[in-house]
Amino acid sequence: MQKKKNLIKIAIDSPAAAGAGTLAKTISKHYNLLYLDTGKIYRLIAFLKINQKKKFNKKFLKKKIQKLNLKNLQNKKLLSDEVGNEASLIAKDKYIRKLVYSFQVQCAYKPPKKFNGSCLDGRDITYKIIPDADLKFFITANLKIRAKRRYLELKNLKKNVSYSEILKSIKNRDKSDYNRRISPLKKTKDSILINTSKLSKRACFLKIKKIIDGKINS
């Protein structure tokens, strides 16, 4: 695939609820980058599997992925804990990862002309999807803090959940993401570690902005 020149490509990997999505959105808006939360693709597939069991097969899935666009990923129902857990299992499937790979690469390397580049976050972005990214970040946070953030996020969506359920769920997600055979979550040597445990959203953004500006201006 021919790649567009002079684009800013930012790759972000992180465990669940570390704040990477919020950061990536803020970065994308500030620098006018196409933003893609790659985890939402797996959540969409999980949602389809849960809600359309009878139709769900390879042919059905291939057709859905071929018609995939960013608007499909904005459904708030994709944020449920049930969908998240199913998505973590689906992400282990080699066939599914191969199906969504081209969509992710297209977003990264050939965003619409109105954008200055792209910013993708997920689990294997820094080494699988955009291995030549201009900037790579690994966003993390304390497990209990991540669980509290996800709990508050779901409560704001009027979901009937408990903190203990969310904590257990994120522990299981971490185990699955870090230990899966295909495209596991890992920090690459060239990724900049950002721990958001004790930082506000604003402080996180300013920290990353300083790094990005330094790269752009160098």
C-alpha atoms as a PDB file:
ATOM      1  CA  MET A   1       0.000   0.000   0.000  1.00  0.00           C
ATOM      2  CA  GLN A   2       1.306   3.450  -0.932  1.00  0.00           C
ATOM      3  CA  LYS A   3       1.718   5.571   2.186  1.00  0.00           C
ATOM      4  CA  LYS A   4       0.938   9.281   2.355  1.00  0.00           C
ATOM      5  CA  LYS A   5       3.929  11.487   3.114  1.00  0.00           C
ATOM      6  CA  ASN A   6       4.424  14.046   5.913  1.00  0.00           C
ATOM      7  CA  LEU A   7       1.835  12.498   8.218  1.00  0.00           C
ATOM      8  CA  ILE A   8       2.163  12.368  11.985  1.00  0.00           C
ATOM      9  CA  LYS A   9       1.608   8.776  13.113  1.00  0.00           C
ATOM     10  CA  ILE A  10       1.097   8.173  16.844  1.00  0.00           C
ATOM     11  CA  ALA A  11       0.786   4.654  18.275  1.00  0.00           C
ATOM     12  CA  ILE A  12      -0.528   3.997  21.782  1.00  0.00           C
ATOM     13  CA  ASP A  13      -0.789   0.699  23.634  1.00  0.00           C
ATOM     14  CA  SER A  14      -2.301   0.257  27.083  1.00  0.00           C
ATOM     15  CA  PRO A  15      -4.158  -2.120  29.401  1.00  0.00           C
ATOM     16  CA  ALA A  16      -7.887  -1.553  29.970  1.00  0.00           C
ATOM     17  CA  ALA A  17      -9.051   1.697  31.616  1.00  0.00           C
ATOM     18  CA  ALA A  18      -5.588   3.271  31.846  1.00  0.00           C
ATOM     19  CA  GLY A  19      -6.832   6.498  30.266  1.00  0.00           C
ATOM     20  CA  ALA A  20      -5.324   5.904  26.826  1.00  0.00           C
ATOM     21  CA  GLY A  21      -8.594   6.491  24.990  1.00  0.00           C
ATOM     22  CA  THR A  22      -9.208   9.872  26.609  1.00  0.00           C
ATOM     23  CA  LEU A  23      -5.622  10.911  25.961  1.00  0.00           C
ATOM     24  CA  ALA A  24      -5.683   9.729  22.357  1.00  0.00           C
ATOM     25  CA  LYS A  25      -8.895  11.657  21.669  1.00  0.00           C
ATOM     26  CA  THR A  26      -7.449  14.852  23.172  1.00  0.00           C
ATOM     27  CA  ILE A  27      -4.191  14.454  21.232  1.00  0.00           C
ATOM     28  CA  SER A  28      -6.090  13.799  18.006  1.00  0.00           C
ATOM     29  CA  LYS A  29      -8.280  16.857  18.430  1.00  0.00           C
ATOM     30  CA  HIS A  30      -5.331  19.120  19.276  1.00  0.00           C
ATOM     31  CA  TYR A  31      -3.172  18.030  16.335  1.00  0.00           C
ATOM     32  CA  ASN A  32      -6.051  17.330  13.914  1.00  0.00           C
ATOM     33  CA  LEU A  33      -5.353  13.596  13.642  1.00  0.00           C
ATOM     34  CA  LEU A  34      -7.688  10.784  12.653  1.00  0.00           C
ATOM     35  CA  TYR A  35      -8.434   8.904  15.880  1.00  0.00           C
ATOM     36  CA  LEU A  36      -9.136   5.186  16.017  1.00  0.00           C
ATOM     37  CA  ASP A  37      -9.804   3.226  19.194  1.00  0.00           C
ATOM     38  CA  THR A  38      -8.944  -0.202  17.778  1.00  0.00           C
ATOM     39  CA  GLY A  39     -10.413  -1.966  20.800  1.00  0.00           C
ATOM     40  CA  LYS A  40     -13.837  -0.702  19.726  1.00  0.00           C
ATOM     41  CA  ILE A  41     -13.568  -2.859  16.596  1.00  0.00           C
ATOM     42  CA  TYR A  42     -13.285  -5.988  18.736  1.00  0.00           C
ATOM     43  CA  ARG A  43     -16.060  -4.681  20.987  1.00  0.00           C
ATOM     44  CA  LEU A  44     -18.289  -4.246  17.919  1.00  0.00           C
ATOM     45  CA  ILE A  45     -17.590  -7.822  16.853  1.00  0.00           C
ATOM     46  CA  ALA A  46     -18.286  -9.008  20.414  1.00  0.00           C
ATOM     47  CA  PHE A  47     -21.556  -7.047  20.422  1.00  0.00           C
ATOM     48  CA  LEU A  48     -22.585  -8.700  17.155  1.00  0.00           C
ATOM     49  CA  LYS A  49     -21.689 -12.132  18.518  1.00  0.00           C
ATOM     50  CA  ILE A  50     -23.741 -11.579  21.682  1.00  0.00           C
ATOM     51  CA  ASN A  51     -26.772 -10.070  19.932  1.00  0.00           C
ATOM     52  CA  GLN A  52     -26.819 -11.912  16.616  1.00  0.00           C
ATOM     53  CA  LYS A  53     -25.754 -15.432  17.577  1.00  0.00           C
ATOM     54  CA  LYS A  54     -27.701 -17.173  14.822  1.00  0.00           C
ATOM     55  CA  LYS A  55     -26.202 -15.021  12.046  1.00  0.00           C
ATOM     56  CA  PHE A  56     -22.691 -14.874  13.482  1.00  0.00           C
ATOM     57  CA  ASN A  57     -20.248 -16.789  11.263  1.00  0.00           C
ATOM     58  CA  LYS A  58     -17.199 -16.018   9.092  1.00  0.00           C
ATOM     59  CA  LYS A  59     -19.219 -14.921   6.065  1.00  0.00           C
ATOM     60  CA  PHE A  60     -21.417 -12.608   8.149  1.00  0.00           C
ATOM     61  CA  LEU A  61     -18.394 -11.152   9.931  1.00  0.00           C
ATOM     62  CA  LYS A  62     -16.391 -10.578   6.754  1.00  0.00           C
ATOM     63  CA  LYS A  63     -19.307  -8.653   5.241  1.00  0.00           C
ATOM     64  CA  LYS A  64     -19.623  -6.470   8.351  1.00  0.00           C
ATOM     65  CA  ILE A  65     -15.886  -5.663   8.436  1.00  0.00           C
ATOM     66  CA  GLN A  66     -15.860  -4.771   4.734  1.00  0.00           C
ATOM     67  CA  LYS A  67     -18.544  -2.154   5.430  1.00  0.00           C
ATOM     68  CA  LEU A  68     -16.953  -0.955   8.671  1.00  0.00           C
ATOM     69  CA  ASN A  69     -16.604   2.784   9.275  1.00  0.00           C
ATOM     70  CA  LEU A  70     -15.813   4.963  12.291  1.00  0.00           C
ATOM     71  CA  LYS A  71     -19.481   5.772  12.955  1.00  0.00           C
ATOM     72  CA  ASN A  72     -20.141   2.073  13.642  1.00  0.00           C
ATOM     73  CA  LEU A  73     -17.810   2.304  16.650  1.00  0.00           C
ATOM     74  CA  GLN A  74     -19.669   5.116  18.436  1.00  0.00           C
ATOM     75  CA  ASN A  75     -22.470   2.978  19.883  1.00  0.00           C
ATOM     76  CA  LYS A  76     -22.432   3.397  23.693  1.00  0.00           C
ATOM     77  CA  LYS A  77     -23.667  -0.186  24.075  1.00  0.00           C
ATOM     78  CA  LEU A  78     -20.154  -1.302  23.099  1.00  0.00           C
ATOM     79  CA  LEU A  79     -18.871  -0.022  26.470  1.00  0.00           C
ATOM     80  CA  SER A  80     -20.599  -2.652  28.612  1.00  0.00           C
ATOM     81  CA  ASP A  81     -18.507  -4.997  30.743  1.00  0.00           C
ATOM     82  CA  GLU A  82     -20.085  -8.045  29.075  1.00  0.00           C
ATOM     83  CA  VAL A  83     -19.012  -6.791  25.651  1.00  0.00           C
ATOM     84  CA  GLY A  84     -15.525  -5.932  26.963  1.00  0.00           C
ATOM     85  CA  ASN A  85     -14.945  -9.422  28.324  1.00  0.00           C
ATOM     86  CA  GLU A  86     -16.173 -11.042  25.104  1.00  0.00           C
ATOM     87  CA  ALA A  87     -13.981  -8.664  23.070  1.00  0.00           C
ATOM     88  CA  SER A  88     -10.908  -9.775  25.018  1.00  0.00           C
ATOM     89  CA  LEU A  89     -11.648 -13.389  24.040  1.00  0.00           C
ATOM     90  CA  ILE A  90     -12.387 -12.488  20.420  1.00  0.00           C
ATOM     91  CA  ALA A  91      -9.074 -10.611  20.170  1.00  0.00           C
ATOM     92  CA  LYS A  92      -7.280 -13.965  20.494  1.00  0.00           C
ATOM     93  CA  ASP A  93      -8.807 -15.188  17.247  1.00  0.00           C
ATOM     94  CA  LYS A  94      -6.244 -15.173  14.423  1.00  0.00           C
ATOM     95  CA  TYR A  95      -8.902 -14.998  11.689  1.00  0.00           C
ATOM     96  CA  ILE A  96     -10.616 -11.982  13.264  1.00  0.00           C
ATOM     97  CA  ARG A  97      -7.329 -10.121  13.802  1.00  0.00           C
ATOM     98  CA  LYS A  98      -6.438 -10.696  10.164  1.00  0.00           C
ATOM     99  CA  LEU A  99      -9.854  -9.373   9.091  1.00  0.00           C
ATOM    100  CA  VAL A 100      -9.555  -6.080  10.982  1.00  0.00           C
ATOM    101  CA  TYR A 101      -5.834  -5.529  10.285  1.00  0.00           C
ATOM    102  CA  SER A 102      -6.302  -3.824   6.907  1.00  0.00           C
ATOM    103  CA  PHE A 103      -8.930  -1.410   8.290  1.00  0.00           C
ATOM    104  CA  GLN A 104      -6.546  -0.345  11.080  1.00  0.00           C
ATOM    105  CA  VAL A 105      -3.587   0.083   8.714  1.00  0.00           C
ATOM    106  CA  GLN A 106      -5.757   2.087   6.299  1.00  0.00           C
ATOM    107  CA  CYS A 107      -6.719   4.479   9.117  1.00  0.00           C
ATOM    108  CA  ALA A 108      -3.097   4.800  10.232  1.00  0.00           C
ATOM    109  CA  TYR A 109      -1.402   5.360   6.885  1.00  0.00           C
ATOM    110  CA  LYS A 110      -4.136   6.796   4.664  1.00  0.00           C
ATOM    111  CA  PRO A 111      -6.402   9.043   6.735  1.00  0.00           C
ATOM    112  CA  PRO A 112      -8.674  11.479   4.837  1.00  0.00           C
ATOM    113  CA  LYS A 113      -6.845  14.551   3.478  1.00  0.00           C
ATOM    114  CA  LYS A 114      -8.403  16.873   6.062  1.00  0.00           C
ATOM    115  CA  PHE A 115      -6.269  15.224   8.798  1.00  0.00           C
ATOM    116  CA  ASN A 116      -2.592  15.879   9.584  1.00  0.00           C
ATOM    117  CA  GLY A 117      -2.050  12.232  10.420  1.00  0.00           C
ATOM    118  CA  SER A 118      -3.376   9.520  12.696  1.00  0.00           C
ATOM    119  CA  CYS A 119      -3.480   8.406  16.308  1.00  0.00           C
ATOM    120  CA  LEU A 120      -4.420   4.808  17.118  1.00  0.00           C
ATOM    121  CA  ASP A 121      -4.682   3.160  20.507  1.00  0.00           C
ATOM    122  CA  GLY A 122      -5.058  -0.500  21.369  1.00  0.00           C
ATOM    123  CA  ARG A 123      -2.949  -3.469  22.446  1.00  0.00           C
ATOM    124  CA  ASP A 124      -0.581  -4.128  19.514  1.00  0.00           C
ATOM    125  CA  ILE A 125      -0.397  -0.757  17.766  1.00  0.00           C
ATOM    126  CA  THR A 126       3.257   0.049  18.493  1.00  0.00           C
ATOM    127  CA  TYR A 127       4.687  -3.148  17.009  1.00  0.00           C
ATOM    128  CA  LYS A 128       2.007  -4.647  14.749  1.00  0.00           C
ATOM    129  CA  ILE A 129      -0.145  -1.904  13.244  1.00  0.00           C
ATOM    130  CA  ILE A 130       2.216   1.124  13.081  1.00  0.00           C
ATOM    131  CA  PRO A 131       5.743  -0.260  13.711  1.00  0.00           C
ATOM    132  CA  ASP A 132       7.258   2.873  12.123  1.00  0.00           C
ATOM    133  CA  ALA A 133       5.144   5.351  14.128  1.00  0.00           C
ATOM    134  CA  ASP A 134       6.696   8.768  14.739  1.00  0.00           C
ATOM    135  CA  LEU A 135       5.844   8.453  18.409  1.00  0.00           C
ATOM    136  CA  LYS A 136       4.977   5.424  20.519  1.00  0.00           C
ATOM    137  CA  PHE A 137       3.462   5.509  23.988  1.00  0.00           C
ATOM    138  CA  PHE A 138       2.607   2.845  26.555  1.00  0.00           C
ATOM    139  CA  ILE A 139      -0.067   4.223  28.889  1.00  0.00           C
ATOM    140  CA  THR A 140      -0.616   2.457  32.196  1.00  0.00           C
ATOM    141  CA  ALA A 141      -2.020   2.980  35.705  1.00  0.00           C
ATOM    142  CA  ASN A 142      -2.512   1.143  38.988  1.00  0.00           C
ATOM    143  CA  LEU A 143      -5.029  -1.729  38.723  1.00  0.00           C
ATOM    144  CA  LYS A 144      -7.362  -0.390  41.461  1.00  0.00           C
ATOM    145  CA  ILE A 145      -7.332   3.100  39.951  1.00  0.00           C
ATOM    146  CA  ARG A 146      -8.187   1.665  36.538  1.00  0.00           C
ATOM    147  CA  ALA A 147     -11.053  -0.315  38.053  1.00  0.00           C
ATOM    148  CA  LYS A 148     -12.392   2.788  39.812  1.00  0.00           C
ATOM    149  CA  ARG A 149     -12.247   4.787  36.568  1.00  0.00           C
ATOM    150  CA  ARG A 150     -14.137   2.127  34.628  1.00  0.00           C
ATOM    151  CA  TYR A 151     -16.671   1.771  37.479  1.00  0.00           C
ATOM    152  CA  LEU A 152     -17.395   5.526  37.438  1.00  0.00           C
ATOM    153  CA  GLU A 153     -17.571   5.536  33.644  1.00  0.00           C
ATOM    154  CA  LEU A 154     -20.196   2.777  33.647  1.00  0.00           C
ATOM    155  CA  LYS A 155     -22.154   4.345  36.522  1.00  0.00           C
ATOM    156  CA  ASN A 156     -22.340   7.570  34.501  1.00  0.00           C
ATOM    157  CA  LEU A 157     -23.883   5.466  31.728  1.00  0.00           C
ATOM    158  CA  LYS A 158     -26.492   4.288  34.277  1.00  0.00           C
ATOM    159  CA  LYS A 159     -25.101   0.742  34.327  1.00  0.00           C
ATOM    160  CA  ASN A 160     -25.895  -1.404  37.370  1.00  0.00           C
ATOM    161  CA  VAL A 161     -22.377  -2.578  38.272  1.00  0.00           C
ATOM    162  CA  SER A 162     -20.247  -3.004  41.396  1.00  0.00           C
ATOM    163  CA  TYR A 163     -16.642  -1.974  41.907  1.00  0.00           C
ATOM    164  CA  SER A 164     -15.634  -5.537  42.876  1.00  0.00           C
ATOM    165  CA  GLU A 165     -17.104  -6.901  39.625  1.00  0.00           C
ATOM    166  CA  ILE A 166     -15.181  -4.324  37.594  1.00  0.00           C
ATOM    167  CA  LEU A 167     -11.932  -5.022  39.470  1.00  0.00           C
ATOM    168  CA  LYS A 168     -12.269  -8.758  38.795  1.00  0.00           C
ATOM    169  CA  SER A 169     -13.154  -8.090  35.158  1.00  0.00           C
ATOM    170  CA  ILE A 170     -10.108  -5.875  34.552  1.00  0.00           C
ATOM    171  CA  LYS A 171      -7.821  -8.421  36.254  1.00  0.00           C
ATOM    172  CA  ASN A 172      -9.128 -11.057  33.849  1.00  0.00           C
ATOM    173  CA  ARG A 173      -8.787  -8.690  30.888  1.00  0.00           C
ATOM    174  CA  ASP A 174      -5.159  -7.982  31.823  1.00  0.00           C
ATOM    175  CA  LYS A 175      -4.384 -11.682  32.103  1.00  0.00           C
ATOM    176  CA  SER A 176      -5.951 -12.319  28.711  1.00  0.00           C
ATOM    177  CA  ASP A 177      -4.350  -9.314  26.973  1.00  0.00           C
ATOM    178  CA  TYR A 178      -0.808  -9.847  28.285  1.00  0.00           C
ATOM    179  CA  ASN A 179      -0.741 -13.624  27.838  1.00  0.00           C
ATOM    180  CA  ARG A 180      -2.524 -14.287  24.553  1.00  0.00           C
ATOM    181  CA  ARG A 181      -0.413 -15.968  21.884  1.00  0.00           C
ATOM    182  CA  ILE A 182      -1.409 -13.610  19.050  1.00  0.00           C
ATOM    183  CA  SER A 183      -0.552  -9.902  19.356  1.00  0.00           C
ATOM    184  CA  PRO A 184      -0.263  -9.744  23.161  1.00  0.00           C
ATOM    185  CA  LEU A 185      -0.149  -6.447  25.037  1.00  0.00           C
ATOM    186  CA  LYS A 186       3.466  -5.455  25.699  1.00  0.00           C
ATOM    187  CA  LYS A 187       5.637  -2.378  26.033  1.00  0.00           C
ATOM    188  CA  THR A 188       8.157  -2.081  23.215  1.00  0.00           C
ATOM    189  CA  LYS A 189      11.640  -0.713  23.846  1.00  0.00           C
ATOM    190  CA  ASP A 190      10.926   2.383  21.774  1.00  0.00           C
ATOM    191  CA  SER A 191       7.637   3.193  23.542  1.00  0.00           C
ATOM    192  CA  ILE A 192       7.539   6.039  26.069  1.00  0.00           C
ATOM    193  CA  LEU A 193       5.997   4.914  29.369  1.00  0.00           C
ATOM    194  CA  ILE A 194       3.322   7.202  30.825  1.00  0.00           C
ATOM    195  CA  ASN A 195       1.816   6.249  34.188  1.00  0.00           C
ATOM    196  CA  THR A 196      -1.486   8.082  34.671  1.00  0.00           C
ATOM    197  CA  SER A 197      -2.222   6.857  38.214  1.00  0.00           C
ATOM    198  CA  LYS A 198      -1.513  10.186  39.913  1.00  0.00           C
ATOM    199  CA  LEU A 199      -2.061  12.516  36.972  1.00  0.00           C
ATOM    200  CA  SER A 200      -5.178  14.438  35.999  1.00  0.00           C
ATOM    201  CA  LYS A 201      -6.405  14.253  32.406  1.00  0.00           C
ATOM    202  CA  ARG A 202      -4.999  17.727  31.789  1.00  0.00           C
ATOM    203  CA  ALA A 203      -1.602  16.860  33.297  1.00  0.00           C
ATOM    204  CA  CYS A 204      -1.399  13.697  31.170  1.00  0.00           C
ATOM    205  CA  PHE A 205      -2.164  15.631  28.017  1.00  0.00           C
ATOM    206  CA  LEU A 206       0.403  18.362  28.769  1.00  0.00           C
ATOM    207  CA  LYS A 207       3.067  15.732  29.463  1.00  0.00           C
ATOM    208  CA  ILE A 208       2.461  14.006  26.141  1.00  0.00           C
ATOM    209  CA  LYS A 209       2.034  17.312  24.276  1.00  0.00           C
ATOM    210  CA  LYS A 210       5.511  18.389  25.368  1.00  0.00           C
ATOM    211  CA  ILE A 211       6.973  15.152  23.948  1.00  0.00           C
ATOM    212  CA  ILE A 212       5.031  15.433  20.678  1.00  0.00           C
ATOM    213  CA  ASP A 213       5.941  19.099  20.200  1.00  0.00           C
ATOM    214  CA  GLY A 214       9.584  18.257  20.783  1.00  0.00           C
ATOM    215  CA  LYS A 215       9.410  15.587  18.076  1.00  0.00           C
ATOM    216  CA  ILE A 216       7.568  17.807  15.582  1.00  0.00           C
ATOM    217  CA  ASN A 217       9.897  20.759  16.093  1.00  0.00           C
ATOM    218  CA  SER A 218      13.143  18.784  16.008  1.00  0.00           C
END
